Structure formats: C-alpha cells, structure tokens
Protein backbone atom coordinates (compact mmCIF):
# COMPACT_ATOMS: atom_id res chain seq x y z
CA UNK A 1 0.00 0.00 0.00
CA UNK A 2 1.40 3.39 -1.01
CA UNK A 3 2.00 5.89 1.74
CA UNK A 4 2.61 9.52 0.89
CA UNK A 5 4.10 11.95 3.32
CA UNK A 6 4.14 15.64 2.51
CA UNK A 7 5.82 18.55 4.19
CA UNK A 8 6.44 22.14 3.19
CA UNK A 9 9.94 23.07 4.27
CA UNK A 10 10.31 26.58 5.63
CA UNK A 11 13.63 27.94 6.66
CA UNK A 12 13.48 28.27 10.48
CA UNK A 13 14.44 31.54 12.13
CA UNK A 14 17.44 31.38 14.41
CA UNK A 15 18.47 27.86 13.27
CA UNK A 16 21.13 26.80 10.80
CA UNK A 17 20.19 23.21 9.94
CA UNK A 18 19.45 23.56 6.22
CA UNK A 19 20.65 25.58 3.30
CA UNK A 20 17.24 26.60 1.99
CA UNK A 21 18.43 28.84 -0.81
CA UNK A 22 21.55 29.57 -2.79
CA UNK A 23 22.19 32.69 -4.85
CA UNK A 24 24.49 31.97 -7.76
CA UNK A 25 26.55 34.80 -9.23
CA UNK A 26 28.01 35.11 -12.70
CA UNK A 27 31.52 34.50 -11.40
CA UNK A 28 30.62 30.97 -10.29
CA UNK A 29 33.01 28.33 -11.63
CA UNK A 30 31.23 26.01 -14.01
CA UNK A 31 31.47 22.21 -13.94
CA UNK A 32 32.77 20.21 -16.86
CA UNK A 33 30.51 21.10 -19.79
CA UNK A 34 30.36 17.45 -20.91
CA UNK A 35 27.42 17.07 -18.52
CA UNK A 36 25.64 20.17 -19.77
CA UNK A 37 22.62 18.72 -21.54
CA UNK A 38 21.09 15.79 -23.29
CA UNK A 39 21.09 17.39 -26.71
CA UNK A 40 24.88 17.00 -26.94
CA UNK A 41 24.49 13.24 -26.54
CA UNK A 42 22.03 12.70 -29.39
CA UNK A 43 23.20 11.51 -32.81
CA UNK A 44 24.29 14.43 -34.94
CA UNK A 45 22.31 15.64 -37.92
CA UNK A 46 24.56 16.68 -40.81
CA UNK A 47 22.08 19.41 -41.77
CA UNK A 48 21.63 20.67 -38.24
CA UNK A 49 24.65 20.63 -35.90
CA UNK A 50 23.74 20.34 -32.20
CA UNK A 51 23.28 23.52 -30.23
CA UNK A 52 26.50 24.64 -28.57
CA UNK A 53 26.92 24.66 -24.82
CA UNK A 54 24.91 27.25 -22.85
CA UNK A 55 26.49 30.59 -22.07
CA UNK A 56 27.77 31.42 -18.62
CA UNK A 57 25.38 33.81 -16.86
CA UNK A 58 25.99 37.54 -17.08
CA UNK A 59 26.52 39.70 -14.02
CA UNK A 60 22.83 40.26 -13.41
CA UNK A 61 21.77 36.64 -13.90
CA UNK A 62 21.25 35.67 -10.27
CA UNK A 63 19.10 32.66 -9.46
CA UNK A 64 17.92 31.41 -6.09
CA UNK A 65 16.95 27.77 -5.53
CA UNK A 66 14.73 26.83 -2.60
CA UNK A 67 13.21 23.55 -1.46
CA UNK A 68 9.42 23.38 -1.57
CA UNK A 69 7.28 20.29 -0.99
CA UNK A 70 8.74 16.80 -0.57
CA UNK A 71 6.69 13.65 -1.25
CA UNK A 72 8.20 10.34 -0.20
CA UNK A 73 6.03 7.52 -1.61
CA UNK A 74 6.82 3.99 -0.48
CA UNK A 75 5.30 0.71 -1.67
CA UNK A 76 6.17 -2.95 -1.38
CA UNK A 77 6.87 -2.91 -5.12
CA UNK A 78 8.77 -0.43 -7.27
CA UNK A 79 6.15 0.95 -9.66
CA UNK A 80 4.94 3.86 -7.51
CA UNK A 81 7.92 4.07 -5.20
CA UNK A 82 10.06 7.19 -5.23
CA UNK A 83 10.57 10.63 -3.77
CA UNK A 84 9.52 13.86 -5.44
CA UNK A 85 11.26 17.08 -4.46
CA UNK A 86 9.88 20.44 -5.56
CA UNK A 87 12.47 23.10 -6.24
CA UNK A 88 11.47 26.74 -6.43
CA UNK A 89 13.60 28.89 -8.72
CA UNK A 90 13.55 32.64 -8.20
CA UNK A 91 15.30 35.56 -9.89
CA UNK A 92 14.67 38.56 -12.12
CA UNK A 93 16.22 36.74 -15.07
CA UNK A 94 13.18 34.43 -15.17
CA UNK A 95 10.94 37.25 -16.42
CA UNK A 96 11.90 36.64 -20.06
CA UNK A 97 12.47 32.87 -19.85
CA UNK A 98 10.45 30.64 -22.20
CA UNK A 99 11.97 27.30 -21.26
CA UNK A 100 13.76 25.59 -18.40
CA UNK A 101 15.69 22.39 -17.81
CA UNK A 102 16.78 21.07 -14.43
CA UNK A 103 19.67 18.61 -14.23
CA UNK A 104 20.77 16.77 -11.09
CA UNK A 105 24.42 15.77 -10.71
CA UNK A 106 24.31 14.40 -7.16
CA UNK A 107 21.66 13.44 -4.61
CA UNK A 108 22.45 11.48 -1.45
CA UNK A 109 20.76 11.07 1.92
CA UNK A 110 22.58 11.36 5.25
CA UNK A 111 23.29 7.62 5.29
CA UNK A 112 25.17 7.87 2.00
CA UNK A 113 22.48 6.28 -0.19
CA UNK A 114 22.53 7.49 -3.79
CA UNK A 115 19.09 8.93 -4.62
CA UNK A 116 19.66 9.57 -8.33
CA UNK A 117 17.36 7.37 -10.41
CA UNK A 118 16.51 6.78 -14.06
CA UNK A 119 13.82 9.50 -14.04
CA UNK A 120 15.90 12.11 -12.23
CA UNK A 121 17.23 14.12 -15.18
CA UNK A 122 14.92 15.81 -17.68
CA UNK A 123 16.43 15.38 -21.17
CA UNK A 124 14.43 18.18 -22.78
CA UNK A 125 13.66 21.79 -22.06
CA UNK A 126 10.19 22.31 -20.63
CA UNK A 127 8.11 25.22 -21.82
CA UNK A 128 7.40 27.81 -19.14
CA UNK A 129 4.96 30.70 -19.31
CA UNK A 130 5.87 33.02 -16.47
CA UNK A 131 4.11 36.11 -17.88
CA UNK A 132 6.61 38.50 -16.33
CA UNK A 133 6.93 36.61 -13.05
CA UNK A 134 10.24 36.09 -11.28
CA UNK A 135 9.57 32.62 -9.86
CA UNK A 136 9.02 29.12 -11.21
CA UNK A 137 9.02 25.59 -9.86
CA UNK A 138 10.32 22.24 -11.04
CA UNK A 139 10.00 18.75 -9.62
CA UNK A 140 12.84 16.27 -9.28
CA UNK A 141 12.14 12.54 -9.10
CA UNK A 142 14.55 10.67 -6.83
CA UNK A 143 14.79 7.20 -5.34
CA UNK A 144 13.48 6.63 -1.84
CA UNK A 145 15.95 7.32 0.96
CA UNK A 146 16.48 4.61 3.55
CA UNK A 147 13.98 4.72 6.41
CA UNK A 148 16.65 5.72 8.92
CA UNK A 149 17.58 8.81 6.88
CA UNK A 150 16.58 12.17 8.31
CA UNK A 151 17.87 14.52 5.59
CA UNK A 152 19.06 14.87 2.03
CA UNK A 153 22.75 15.43 2.65
CA UNK A 154 23.31 16.96 -0.79
CA UNK A 155 21.20 17.83 -3.81
CA UNK A 156 23.21 19.56 -6.52
CA UNK A 157 23.03 20.16 -10.24
CA UNK A 158 22.20 22.99 -12.60
CA UNK A 159 19.32 25.08 -13.87
CA UNK A 160 19.29 26.02 -17.56
CA UNK A 161 17.08 28.85 -18.77
CA UNK A 162 16.09 29.51 -22.36
CA UNK A 163 15.73 33.27 -23.00
CA UNK A 164 15.00 33.90 -26.70
CA UNK A 165 15.35 37.68 -26.38
CA UNK A 166 19.11 37.13 -26.22
CA UNK A 167 19.39 35.60 -29.70
CA UNK A 168 17.41 36.69 -32.76
CA UNK A 169 18.15 33.32 -34.35
CA UNK A 170 16.22 31.51 -31.62
CA UNK A 171 12.84 32.73 -32.92
CA UNK A 172 11.11 31.80 -36.18
CA UNK A 173 8.02 33.85 -37.05
CA UNK A 174 5.23 32.59 -39.30
CA UNK A 175 3.12 35.46 -40.64
CA UNK A 176 -0.24 35.34 -42.43
CA UNK A 177 -1.32 32.08 -40.83
CA UNK A 178 -4.01 31.26 -43.40
CA UNK A 179 -1.43 31.22 -46.22
CA UNK A 180 0.84 28.80 -44.39
CA UNK A 181 -1.61 26.04 -43.51
CA UNK A 182 -1.10 22.58 -44.96
CA UNK A 183 2.32 23.35 -46.44
CA UNK A 184 5.84 22.88 -45.07
CA UNK A 185 6.90 25.95 -43.08
CA UNK A 186 10.03 27.55 -44.48
CA UNK A 187 12.16 29.60 -42.09
CA UNK A 188 15.97 29.89 -41.78
CA UNK A 189 15.91 29.27 -38.02
CA UNK A 190 13.90 26.07 -38.45
CA UNK A 191 16.17 24.82 -41.21
CA UNK A 192 19.29 25.56 -39.16
CA UNK A 193 17.89 23.48 -36.29
CA UNK A 194 16.83 20.60 -38.55
CA UNK A 195 13.15 21.11 -37.67
CA UNK A 196 10.37 20.27 -40.14
CA UNK A 197 6.94 21.71 -39.44
CA UNK A 198 3.46 21.67 -40.96
CA UNK A 199 0.32 23.30 -39.57
CA UNK A 200 -3.21 22.02 -40.22
CA UNK A 201 -6.66 23.26 -39.37
CA UNK A 202 -9.57 20.84 -39.25
CA UNK A 203 -11.09 21.68 -42.66
CA UNK A 204 -7.80 21.49 -44.55
CA UNK A 205 -6.87 18.23 -42.87
CA UNK A 206 -10.24 16.70 -43.75
CA UNK A 207 -9.85 17.69 -47.41
CA UNK A 208 -6.26 16.43 -47.59
CA UNK A 209 -7.13 13.20 -45.77
CA UNK A 210 -10.03 12.49 -48.16
CA UNK A 211 -7.85 13.10 -51.22
CA UNK A 212 -5.10 10.84 -49.85
CA UNK A 213 -7.63 8.12 -49.01
CA UNK A 214 -8.86 8.09 -52.63
CA UNK A 215 -5.30 8.06 -53.93
CA UNK A 216 -4.30 5.16 -51.67
CA UNK A 217 -7.43 3.18 -52.61
CA UNK A 218 -6.57 3.50 -56.31
CA UNK A 219 -2.97 2.46 -55.66
CA UNK A 220 -4.09 -0.59 -53.66
CA UNK A 221 -6.61 -1.57 -56.36
CA UNK A 222 -3.94 -1.27 -59.07
CA UNK A 223 -1.50 -3.37 -57.04
CA UNK A 224 -4.07 -6.13 -56.44
CA UNK A 225 -4.96 -6.19 -60.14
CA UNK A 226 -1.33 -6.36 -61.19
CA UNK A 227 -0.40 -9.07 -58.69
CA UNK A 228 -3.64 -10.97 -59.17
CA UNK A 229 -4.17 -11.02 -55.43
CA UNK A 230 -7.43 -10.78 -53.58
CA UNK A 231 -7.69 -8.89 -50.34
CA UNK A 232 -10.26 -8.77 -47.58
CA UNK A 233 -11.87 -5.56 -46.45
CA UNK A 234 -9.86 -5.90 -43.25
CA UNK A 235 -6.60 -6.05 -45.21
CA UNK A 236 -7.62 -3.07 -47.30
CA UNK A 237 -8.53 -1.11 -44.18
CA UNK A 238 -5.18 -1.89 -42.56
CA UNK A 239 -3.24 -0.89 -45.67
CA UNK A 240 -5.20 2.34 -45.90
CA UNK A 241 -4.60 3.16 -42.26
CA UNK A 242 -0.87 2.41 -42.62
CA UNK A 243 -0.62 4.73 -45.60
CA UNK A 244 -2.37 7.59 -43.81
CA UNK A 245 -0.26 7.02 -40.71
CA UNK A 246 2.93 7.39 -42.74
CA UNK A 247 1.71 10.65 -44.22
CA UNK A 248 0.11 12.32 -41.21
CA UNK A 249 1.91 10.59 -38.35
CA UNK A 250 0.17 10.72 -34.95
CA UNK A 251 -2.21 13.39 -36.27
CA UNK A 252 -4.18 10.73 -38.17
CA UNK A 253 -4.96 8.67 -35.07
CA UNK A 254 -5.90 11.76 -33.06
CA UNK A 255 -7.97 13.54 -35.71
CA UNK A 256 -11.29 12.86 -33.97
CA UNK A 257 -10.13 15.12 -31.13
CA UNK A 258 -9.69 18.18 -33.30
CA UNK A 259 -12.32 20.86 -32.82
CA UNK A 260 -13.50 23.47 -35.29
CA UNK A 261 -10.95 26.08 -34.15
CA UNK A 262 -8.06 23.68 -33.49
CA UNK A 263 -4.62 23.91 -35.04
CA UNK A 264 -2.42 20.83 -35.33
CA UNK A 265 1.37 21.12 -35.53
CA UNK A 266 3.06 18.16 -37.20
CA UNK A 267 6.66 18.36 -35.96
CA UNK A 268 9.87 16.56 -36.85
CA UNK A 269 12.53 17.67 -34.37
CA UNK A 270 15.46 15.20 -34.21
CA UNK A 271 17.37 17.18 -31.58
CA UNK A 272 14.43 18.38 -29.45
CA UNK A 273 15.29 22.02 -30.07
CA UNK A 274 11.74 23.34 -30.44
CA UNK A 275 10.96 24.76 -26.99
CA UNK A 276 7.64 26.59 -27.31
CA UNK A 277 5.04 28.03 -29.68
CA UNK A 278 3.16 31.30 -29.15
CA UNK A 279 0.34 33.01 -31.02
CA UNK A 280 -0.41 36.70 -31.61
CA UNK A 281 -2.45 38.93 -33.89
CA UNK A 282 -0.95 41.00 -36.71
CA UNK A 283 -0.25 43.84 -34.25
CA UNK A 284 1.69 41.65 -31.86
CA UNK A 285 -1.01 41.20 -29.22
CA UNK A 286 -0.74 37.73 -27.61
CA UNK A 287 -3.52 35.22 -28.29
CA UNK A 288 -4.06 32.62 -25.59
CA UNK A 289 -5.20 29.05 -26.17
CA UNK A 290 -7.62 26.84 -24.28
CA UNK A 291 -5.19 23.96 -23.93
CA UNK A 292 -3.14 21.55 -25.96
CA UNK A 293 -2.31 17.88 -26.25
CA UNK A 294 0.73 16.14 -27.68
CA UNK A 295 0.89 12.73 -29.33
CA UNK A 296 4.05 10.87 -30.17
CA UNK A 297 7.43 11.92 -28.89
CA UNK A 298 11.12 11.96 -29.61
CA UNK A 299 11.89 12.81 -33.23
CA UNK A 300 8.26 13.07 -34.41
CA UNK A 301 5.21 14.35 -32.60
CA UNK A 302 1.96 16.19 -33.13
CA UNK A 303 0.68 18.95 -30.86
CA UNK A 304 -2.91 20.18 -31.16
CA UNK A 305 -3.84 23.60 -29.77
CA UNK A 306 -7.44 24.45 -28.93
CA UNK A 307 -8.85 27.98 -29.27
CA UNK A 308 -12.11 29.54 -28.17
CA UNK A 309 -12.43 31.36 -31.50
CA UNK A 310 -10.97 30.89 -34.96
CA UNK A 311 -7.61 32.59 -35.27
CA UNK A 312 -7.46 35.60 -37.61
CA UNK A 313 -6.14 34.90 -41.10
CA UNK A 314 -3.30 37.34 -40.48
CA UNK A 315 -2.35 35.82 -37.10
CA UNK A 316 1.33 35.25 -36.41
CA UNK A 317 3.06 32.31 -34.80
CA UNK A 318 6.34 32.60 -32.93
CA UNK A 319 8.37 29.40 -32.67
CA UNK A 320 11.13 29.40 -30.05
CA UNK A 321 14.19 27.32 -30.93
CA UNK A 322 16.98 26.32 -28.57
CA UNK A 323 20.35 28.00 -29.28
CA UNK A 324 23.46 28.41 -27.15
CA UNK A 325 23.28 32.23 -27.17
CA UNK A 326 19.75 32.15 -25.80
CA UNK A 327 20.59 29.70 -23.00
CA UNK A 328 22.27 30.23 -19.64
CA UNK A 329 23.29 27.55 -17.16
CA UNK A 330 23.62 28.13 -13.42
CA UNK A 331 24.77 25.49 -10.90
CA UNK A 332 23.08 25.01 -7.52
CA UNK A 333 23.83 23.05 -4.35
CA UNK A 334 21.51 22.38 -1.41
CA UNK A 335 22.65 20.59 1.75
CA UNK A 336 21.10 19.05 4.85
CA UNK A 337 17.51 19.29 3.64
CA UNK A 338 15.23 17.69 6.30
CA UNK A 339 13.11 14.75 5.13
CA UNK A 340 9.42 14.51 6.03
C-alpha cells in the first residue's frame, strides 16, 4: 500500500540546519561542460549541428533555488515508489524565460544512499509561461531514501534557462497564418535546427485526408490487379490506415479530437530544439489558447492547440528554438535538507 508523506519546508528563524536557498553569481566556476545537456548526446544531424553549450550567466543573472514540498512515496513494489522534491527557482532573469531544464548531478541522503534514479534528469527543455513573473518551480524525481535517513545530505546540479530575447536566431516567425496552412513551413531558423513543421486546421486536414484516401485506394486496387491477389476488407482497411499514418503521423490517429478552431502542428525535431510556440495577432497582441495535447514523442510528434475562436487569417506564430546564445546555465547546491 502506497503511503505519501508531505511537508512544506520553511527555513526556520534562528536555526542553521538547512541551506534553503543559494544565490548563484556570474563568477561561479562552471562544472565540466560534458554534462551540460542531453542534446549534446544525441546523434548528430549533418544538416543541423547540435546547439553549442549554454552561455555562462551575465553579471545580473542571479538565481535562487529553494526547497518546496517533498513527497516520499513507499510501496512494497517499485512501480509507484520514489521521492519527489519540488524546487522553487527565483530571480529577475526568469521574467523573459520561455523554457527551463533542471539537471541533477548528485543526490544522497545522510546515510550515504545514492538517490539519483533513471527518471531524475529531464532530457528536454520544458516550456514555461511566467508572464513577467520572477519565480518558477520544477519537480525532481529521486529514489526513496532509507527509512533511517533524516535529511538529504546533498542535492546539486544545474538550472538552464532559455531566454529567446538574447538571440534573434532563436525565434522563427510565421506570418499570415491562413497562407501557411497545410504546407511545409520555411524559415531559416527552423532549417538551421533541422526542424520540419506543418500546420493544419480541421477543414484542410479533412480535405487532404479524403484526397489521400482516394489516392491510396486507387494504388491498392492497381497493385491487387497487377499481382492478381485478392484482399479482404480488413486487409484493405489496414493498408489504408498504414498509408495515412505514414503521411500524417500521430495526427491521423488523433484527428477525432480536433475541434473546429483547433490547429495541429506536425513536428519533426530530431534534436528536441523546439521549446515553445506562441500566437499573436498582426499587431503583436498575444492570443491565448484553451489547452493543448501532444501525441508521439522523440523525433516526431503532433501537438494540437485548442482555441475559443478561430484565429485571424493574419495571425502570427512565434516558434522558439533552442540555441546556445539564448541559453544560460547556473549550478546550484543544497545541503542538509530535512526529510518529512
């Protein structure tokens, strides 16, 4: 039976048991950059070299890291077992951040048990929408400490922030949305990152899907006639589905979820360098969405955005792409953090 214990850690007044926060200055010595990020470990793309290592923070790039809530879940098995530690990141530099990645280099309890597990490090940047705020939170998944442990002796690693304002090449802008639906998006920043992108609305996808269905049916009929082979309706249906899947990827299987005002982004991103997508009108005013869902993962995925109203024909889309100039990396170290 799973038991969850929760506790909000607050730095006590007049006591010195835990380092609850750590301000990191630009002059901090950086660790070996070979551990900087997962994108440097992926196979290289000859058309899109991996993003270089993040920049060292400038003088004003101070970040504080504090411990929030800790959940220590224990079971007799291993499926739900683990400890989740919330880290709160604060600093003025977060105001313009659009993405964040938290990496853990070391985590041990006060008995010496290594708490770093398979799910501890996040390989990709996570989109953040701080809307001018100077605080964010991230959760780290660790292994359970031993029952005798009373504290996390050390939790250290780094916080990477993606700030597109620092590099003009980290943003690709798609103007006149209606003219760019259903066709490959061409932009130098996308090409440099090896990203392929197509945008569909529901009506265009329906029309394209119907045309492709008819084309595939004719091809299957011609093949059966040439080979003199008969095929059951089930076989024909499977062949048709396979053909559509190859063309539309995960979008085909999720089409029934698209609403009238939805937009689907069919993305090929071999190095996971697409961080976030934003929408605005032709005057630059942000347009919010009612939610999104993503199917697939890794190199190919489809993300569907829902909107309350149809986007204007002249709407613009800003695509944020990971680059070294737009990324800073700051190390952190917390010690003697009490366990619940």
